[in-house]
C-alpha atoms as a PDB file:
ATOM      1  CA  MET A   1       0.471-197.334 152.632  1.00  0.00           C
ATOM      2  CA  LYS A   2       3.609-195.969 155.067  1.00  0.00           C
ATOM      3  CA  ASN A   3       6.292-193.287 154.811  1.00  0.00           C
ATOM      4  CA  SER A   4       8.631-194.258 157.840  1.00  0.00           C
ATOM      5  CA  VAL A   5      12.085-192.627 158.767  1.00  0.00           C
ATOM      6  CA  PHE A   6      15.040-194.476 160.406  1.00  0.00           C
ATOM      7  CA  ILE A   7      17.558-192.297 161.276  1.00  0.00           C
ATOM      8  CA  ALA A   8      20.729-191.665 163.764  1.00  0.00           C
ATOM      9  CA  THR A   9      21.335-189.193 165.967  1.00  0.00           C
ATOM     10  CA  SER A  10      23.527-187.427 168.905  1.00  0.00           C
ATOM     11  CA  LEU A  11      21.700-187.475 172.106  1.00  0.00           C
ATOM     12  CA  ASP A  12      21.233-183.757 171.461  1.00  0.00           C
ATOM     13  CA  GLY A  13      19.510-184.665 168.313  1.00  0.00           C
ATOM     14  CA  PHE A  14      21.068-184.049 165.156  1.00  0.00           C
ATOM     15  CA  ILE A  15      21.785-185.943 161.823  1.00  0.00           C
ATOM     16  CA  ALA A  16      25.286-184.582 161.017  1.00  0.00           C
ATOM     17  CA  ASP A  17      27.878-182.102 162.451  1.00  0.00           C
ATOM     18  CA  LYS A  18      27.689-178.556 161.500  1.00  0.00           C
ATOM     19  CA  ASN A  19      30.267-179.376 158.105  1.00  0.00           C
ATOM     20  CA  GLY A  20      27.711-181.785 157.481  1.00  0.00           C
ATOM     21  CA  ASN A  21      30.302-185.054 158.457  1.00  0.00           C
ATOM     22  CA  ILE A  22      28.717-188.065 159.948  1.00  0.00           C
ATOM     23  CA  ASP A  23      31.807-189.800 161.123  1.00  0.00           C
ATOM     24  CA  TRP A  24      30.698-189.875 164.335  1.00  0.00           C
ATOM     25  CA  LEU A  25      28.226-192.468 163.404  1.00  0.00           C
ATOM     26  CA  HIS A  26      31.255-194.981 163.809  1.00  0.00           C
ATOM     27  CA  LYS A  27      32.205-194.044 167.323  1.00  0.00           C
ATOM     28  CA  ILE A  28      30.798-196.963 168.447  1.00  0.00           C
ATOM     29  CA  PRO A  29      32.794-199.957 168.091  1.00  0.00           C
ATOM     30  CA  ASN A  30      30.812-202.641 166.380  1.00  0.00           C
ATOM     31  CA  PRO A  31      33.155-205.576 165.750  1.00  0.00           C
ATOM     32  CA  ASN A  32      30.448-208.184 164.470  1.00  0.00           C
ATOM     33  CA  ASN A  33      29.201-205.377 162.068  1.00  0.00           C
ATOM     34  CA  ASP A  34      25.299-205.917 163.825  1.00  0.00           C
ATOM     35  CA  ASP A  35      23.265-204.225 161.264  1.00  0.00           C
ATOM     36  CA  LEU A  36      20.847-202.227 164.191  1.00  0.00           C
ATOM     37  CA  GLY A  37      18.115-203.733 162.231  1.00  0.00           C
ATOM     38  CA  TYR A  38      18.203-202.208 158.914  1.00  0.00           C
ATOM     39  CA  ILE A  39      17.967-205.018 156.807  1.00  0.00           C
ATOM     40  CA  ALA A  40      14.641-206.147 158.254  1.00  0.00           C
ATOM     41  CA  PHE A  41      13.979-202.691 157.940  1.00  0.00           C
ATOM     42  CA  THR A  42      14.940-202.204 154.200  1.00  0.00           C
ATOM     43  CA  ASN A  43      12.929-205.747 153.491  1.00  0.00           C
ATOM     44  CA  SER A  44      10.187-203.702 154.732  1.00  0.00           C
ATOM     45  CA  ILE A  45       9.601-201.045 152.265  1.00  0.00           C
ATOM     46  CA  ASP A  46       9.244-201.092 149.041  1.00  0.00           C
ATOM     47  CA  ALA A  47      11.561-198.041 147.965  1.00  0.00           C
ATOM     48  CA  ILE A  48      13.332-195.026 149.136  1.00  0.00           C
ATOM     49  CA  VAL A  49      12.597-191.184 149.057  1.00  0.00           C
ATOM     50  CA  MET A  50      15.840-189.054 149.908  1.00  0.00           C
ATOM     51  CA  GLY A  51      16.896-185.530 149.326  1.00  0.00           C
ATOM     52  CA  ARG A  52      19.246-184.046 146.664  1.00  0.00           C
ATOM     53  CA  THR A  53      21.865-183.779 149.848  1.00  0.00           C
ATOM     54  CA  THR A  54      21.282-187.100 151.398  1.00  0.00           C
ATOM     55  CA  PHE A  55      21.673-188.313 147.457  1.00  0.00           C
ATOM     56  CA  GLU A  56      24.997-186.397 146.777  1.00  0.00           C
ATOM     57  CA  THR A  57      26.611-187.676 149.711  1.00  0.00           C
ATOM     58  CA  VAL A  58      26.338-191.538 149.230  1.00  0.00           C
ATOM     59  CA  CYS A  59      26.956-190.876 145.985  1.00  0.00           C
ATOM     60  CA  GLY A  60      30.000-189.013 147.768  1.00  0.00           C
ATOM     61  CA  PHE A  61      31.091-192.589 149.706  1.00  0.00           C
ATOM     62  CA  ASP A  62      33.694-194.383 148.356  1.00  0.00           C
ATOM     63  CA  ILE A  63      31.367-197.531 148.452  1.00  0.00           C
ATOM     64  CA  ASP A  64      29.364-199.125 145.095  1.00  0.00           C
ATOM     65  CA  TRP A  65      25.697-198.092 145.784  1.00  0.00           C
ATOM     66  CA  PRO A  66      23.781-199.182 148.763  1.00  0.00           C
ATOM     67  CA  TYR A  67      20.696-199.534 148.030  1.00  0.00           C
ATOM     68  CA  THR A  68      18.749-202.828 145.993  1.00  0.00           C
ATOM     69  CA  LYS A  69      14.795-200.726 146.322  1.00  0.00           C
ATOM     70  CA  PRO A  70      14.309-197.975 143.373  1.00  0.00           C
ATOM     71  CA  VAL A  71      15.719-194.591 144.960  1.00  0.00           C
ATOM     72  CA  PHE A  72      12.999-191.673 143.974  1.00  0.00           C
ATOM     73  CA  VAL A  73      15.307-188.238 145.010  1.00  0.00           C
ATOM     74  CA  LEU A  74      13.533-185.149 145.481  1.00  0.00           C
ATOM     75  CA  SER A  75      15.432-182.188 143.325  1.00  0.00           C
ATOM     76  CA  THR A  76      14.304-179.366 141.365  1.00  0.00           C
ATOM     77  CA  THR A  77      17.744-178.477 140.261  1.00  0.00           C
ATOM     78  CA  LEU A  78      19.134-181.855 139.473  1.00  0.00           C
ATOM     79  CA  THR A  79      18.412-182.835 135.479  1.00  0.00           C
ATOM     80  CA  LYS A  80      20.284-186.495 135.586  1.00  0.00           C
ATOM     81  CA  VAL A  81      21.444-189.175 137.667  1.00  0.00           C
ATOM     82  CA  PRO A  82      25.288-191.012 137.244  1.00  0.00           C
ATOM     83  CA  GLU A  83      24.884-193.585 134.333  1.00  0.00           C
ATOM     84  CA  ASN A  84      25.634-196.271 136.438  1.00  0.00           C
ATOM     85  CA  LEU A  85      22.518-195.053 138.661  1.00  0.00           C
ATOM     86  CA  LYS A  86      19.657-194.920 135.425  1.00  0.00           C
ATOM     87  CA  ASP A  87      17.329-198.269 136.497  1.00  0.00           C
ATOM     88  CA  LYS A  88      17.759-197.440 140.394  1.00  0.00           C
ATOM     89  CA  VAL A  89      17.923-194.340 140.792  1.00  0.00           C
ATOM     90  CA  PHE A  90      15.060-191.745 139.718  1.00  0.00           C
ATOM     91  CA  LEU A  91      14.156-187.844 139.812  1.00  0.00           C
ATOM     92  CA  ILE A  92      10.959-186.812 141.168  1.00  0.00           C
ATOM     93  CA  ASN A  93      10.055-183.205 142.463  1.00  0.00           C
ATOM     94  CA  GLY A  94       6.456-181.262 143.116  1.00  0.00           C
ATOM     95  CA  THR A  95       4.486-181.134 146.323  1.00  0.00           C
ATOM     96  CA  LEU A  96       4.994-183.709 148.759  1.00  0.00           C
ATOM     97  CA  THR A  97       1.660-185.148 147.665  1.00  0.00           C
ATOM     98  CA  GLU A  98       2.224-185.040 144.311  1.00  0.00           C
ATOM     99  CA  VAL A  99       5.301-187.311 145.198  1.00  0.00           C
ATOM    100  CA  LEU A 100       3.586-189.787 147.230  1.00  0.00           C
ATOM    101  CA  LYS A 101       0.578-190.063 144.825  1.00  0.00           C
ATOM    102  CA  SER A 102       3.154-190.455 141.561  1.00  0.00           C
ATOM    103  CA  ILE A 103       5.768-193.246 143.358  1.00  0.00           C
ATOM    104  CA  HIS A 104       2.433-194.842 144.819  1.00  0.00           C
ATOM    105  CA  LYS A 105       1.091-195.257 141.225  1.00  0.00           C
ATOM    106  CA  LYS A 106       4.052-196.998 140.423  1.00  0.00           C
ATOM    107  CA  GLY A 107       3.461-199.870 142.765  1.00  0.00           C
ATOM    108  CA  TYR A 108       5.157-198.533 145.853  1.00  0.00           C
ATOM    109  CA  GLN A 109       3.354-198.166 148.937  1.00  0.00           C
ATOM    110  CA  LYS A 110       5.956-198.624 151.689  1.00  0.00           C
ATOM    111  CA  LEU A 111       8.405-196.026 151.529  1.00  0.00           C
ATOM    112  CA  TYR A 112      11.681-195.006 153.685  1.00  0.00           C
ATOM    113  CA  ILE A 113      12.461-191.506 154.175  1.00  0.00           C
ATOM    114  CA  ASP A 114      15.808-190.092 153.852  1.00  0.00           C
ATOM    115  CA  GLY A 115      17.629-187.333 154.378  1.00  0.00           C
ATOM    116  CA  GLY A 116      17.512-184.066 156.815  1.00  0.00           C
ATOM    117  CA  LYS A 117      15.392-181.887 154.747  1.00  0.00           C
ATOM    118  CA  THR A 118      12.937-184.462 153.794  1.00  0.00           C
ATOM    119  CA  ILE A 119      12.317-185.372 156.892  1.00  0.00           C
ATOM    120  CA  GLN A 120      11.759-182.095 158.133  1.00  0.00           C
ATOM    121  CA  SER A 121       8.974-181.867 155.249  1.00  0.00           C
ATOM    122  CA  PHE A 122       7.368-184.798 154.825  1.00  0.00           C
ATOM    123  CA  LEU A 123       6.685-184.438 159.273  1.00  0.00           C
ATOM    124  CA  LYS A 124       5.018-180.710 158.538  1.00  0.00           C
ATOM    125  CA  GLU A 125       2.898-181.720 156.293  1.00  0.00           C
ATOM    126  CA  ASP A 126       1.951-184.919 158.831  1.00  0.00           C
ATOM    127  CA  LEU A 127       3.305-187.447 156.361  1.00  0.00           C
ATOM    128  CA  ILE A 128       5.375-189.739 158.407  1.00  0.00           C
ATOM    129  CA  ASP A 129       3.820-193.065 160.134  1.00  0.00           C
ATOM    130  CA  GLU A 130       6.705-193.903 162.034  1.00  0.00           C
ATOM    131  CA  LEU A 131      10.025-193.499 163.007  1.00  0.00           C
ATOM    132  CA  ILE A 132      12.651-195.585 164.104  1.00  0.00           C
ATOM    133  CA  ILE A 133      15.612-193.753 165.617  1.00  0.00           C
ATOM    134  CA  THR A 134      19.187-194.899 167.473  1.00  0.00           C
ATOM    135  CA  THR A 135      20.751-192.626 169.694  1.00  0.00           C
ATOM    136  CA  ILE A 136      24.600-192.323 169.196  1.00  0.00           C
ATOM    137  CA  PRO A 137      25.411-191.256 173.071  1.00  0.00           C
ATOM    138  CA  ILE A 138      27.695-188.041 171.957  1.00  0.00           C
ATOM    139  CA  VAL A 139      26.847-184.612 172.285  1.00  0.00           C
ATOM    140  CA  LEU A 140      27.419-182.722 168.774  1.00  0.00           C
ATOM    141  CA  GLY A 141      27.113-179.003 170.243  1.00  0.00           C
ATOM    142  CA  ASP A 142      25.675-177.687 166.651  1.00  0.00           C
ATOM    143  CA  GLY A 143      25.065-179.677 163.612  1.00  0.00           C
ATOM    144  CA  PHE A 144      22.333-180.506 161.603  1.00  0.00           C
ATOM    145  CA  ARG A 145      18.500-181.257 163.165  1.00  0.00           C
ATOM    146  CA  LEU A 146      16.249-184.148 162.863  1.00  0.00           C
ATOM    147  CA  PHE A 147      13.493-181.962 163.951  1.00  0.00           C
ATOM    148  CA  GLY A 148      12.592-178.480 162.714  1.00  0.00           C
ATOM    149  CA  ASP A 149       9.680-175.978 163.189  1.00  0.00           C
ATOM    150  CA  LEU A 150       6.144-177.589 162.676  1.00  0.00           C
ATOM    151  CA  PRO A 151       2.878-176.073 162.240  1.00  0.00           C
ATOM    152  CA  LYS A 152       1.203-178.587 165.045  1.00  0.00           C
ATOM    153  CA  GLU A 153       2.576-181.534 167.429  1.00  0.00           C
ATOM    154  CA  LEU A 154       2.653-184.708 166.288  1.00  0.00           C
ATOM    155  CA  ASN A 155       1.739-187.483 168.373  1.00  0.00           C
ATOM    156  CA  LEU A 156       3.229-190.893 168.718  1.00  0.00           C
ATOM    157  CA  GLU A 157       3.497-193.697 170.564  1.00  0.00           C
ATOM    158  CA  LEU A 158       6.164-195.850 171.394  1.00  0.00           C
ATOM    159  CA  VAL A 159       5.837-199.247 169.701  1.00  0.00           C
ATOM    160  CA  ALA A 160       9.471-200.782 171.103  1.00  0.00           C
ATOM    161  CA  SER A 161      12.699-199.750 172.549  1.00  0.00           C
ATOM    162  CA  LYS A 162      16.072-201.617 172.108  1.00  0.00           C
ATOM    163  CA  THR A 163      19.895-201.173 172.947  1.00  0.00           C
ATOM    164  CA  PHE A 164      22.503-202.755 170.699  1.00  0.00           C
ATOM    165  CA  LEU A 165      25.986-202.766 171.148  1.00  0.00           C
ATOM    166  CA  ASN A 166      25.005-202.193 175.340  1.00  0.00           C
ATOM    167  CA  GLN A 167      25.381-197.534 173.933  1.00  0.00           C
ATOM    168  CA  LEU A 168      22.899-197.053 171.459  1.00  0.00           C
ATOM    169  CA  GLN A 169      19.607-196.731 172.086  1.00  0.00           C
ATOM    170  CA  GLN A 170      17.031-197.154 169.435  1.00  0.00           C
ATOM    171  CA  THR A 171      13.898-196.087 169.776  1.00  0.00           C
ATOM    172  CA  HIS A 172      10.343-197.069 167.444  1.00  0.00           C
ATOM    173  CA  TYR A 173       7.781-194.770 167.390  1.00  0.00           C
ATOM    174  CA  ARG A 174       4.348-195.070 165.099  1.00  0.00           C
ATOM    175  CA  ARG A 175       2.483-191.641 163.974  1.00  0.00           C
ATOM    176  CA  LYS A 176      -0.589-191.840 166.747  1.00  0.00           C
ATOM    177  CA  LYS A 177      -3.277-189.796 164.736  1.00  0.00           C
ATOM    178  CA  LEU A 178      -6.133-187.953 166.537  1.00  0.00           C
ATOM    179  CA  LEU A 179      -9.653-188.434 165.161  1.00  0.00           C
END
C-alpha cells in the first residue's frame, strides 16, 4: 500500500493563489507539452483520492474528464456526482483510516492523494509515503499552502531531483519512517 502526492508549488510553497487560481502553473513555456513525469506517475497508481474542492475545480475546467483511474472524492456535503462521471467518481467519507480501508478493500493499493486540504490531512495523520513536488519559479506571496501545521515532524529522504524545461525543479521524496 502506498499513498503518493504529485503536485506543483510556487517557490514560496503555494499550490493556488489567494483567489484559488492556478493559471500561474503555465507561466513557463512548454512548447513540446512535456508531461513532467505525470504519465509515468499515473501509470504507477491504482486510484486517486481528492477533496471536494479539487474535484469541483477539475469539473470546472473546460475539458473532458482527465482521469482514467477511479477517483474517490472525500466529501461530507456532496450527495451525488454528475451523471457522466457515475462510473468514474465515487463519493467517500469517514476518518482517513476508514476511507483507506474501504478503498483498499476494493483492490486499490497505490493511491494518488490530491488537493491541498486532503494532502494536509493525510500528512497530519502520517499517511503519505512519497511526495513528488515540482517547483515553479514564481513567488505568489499569498494563497493556499501545500503544507500546514503538523503534530510532529515528518522525516523524508530524497529519491530523485530533476529539472524540466530548464526552469522547473522536481523533487521526489520518500517518507522515512523512524523505528
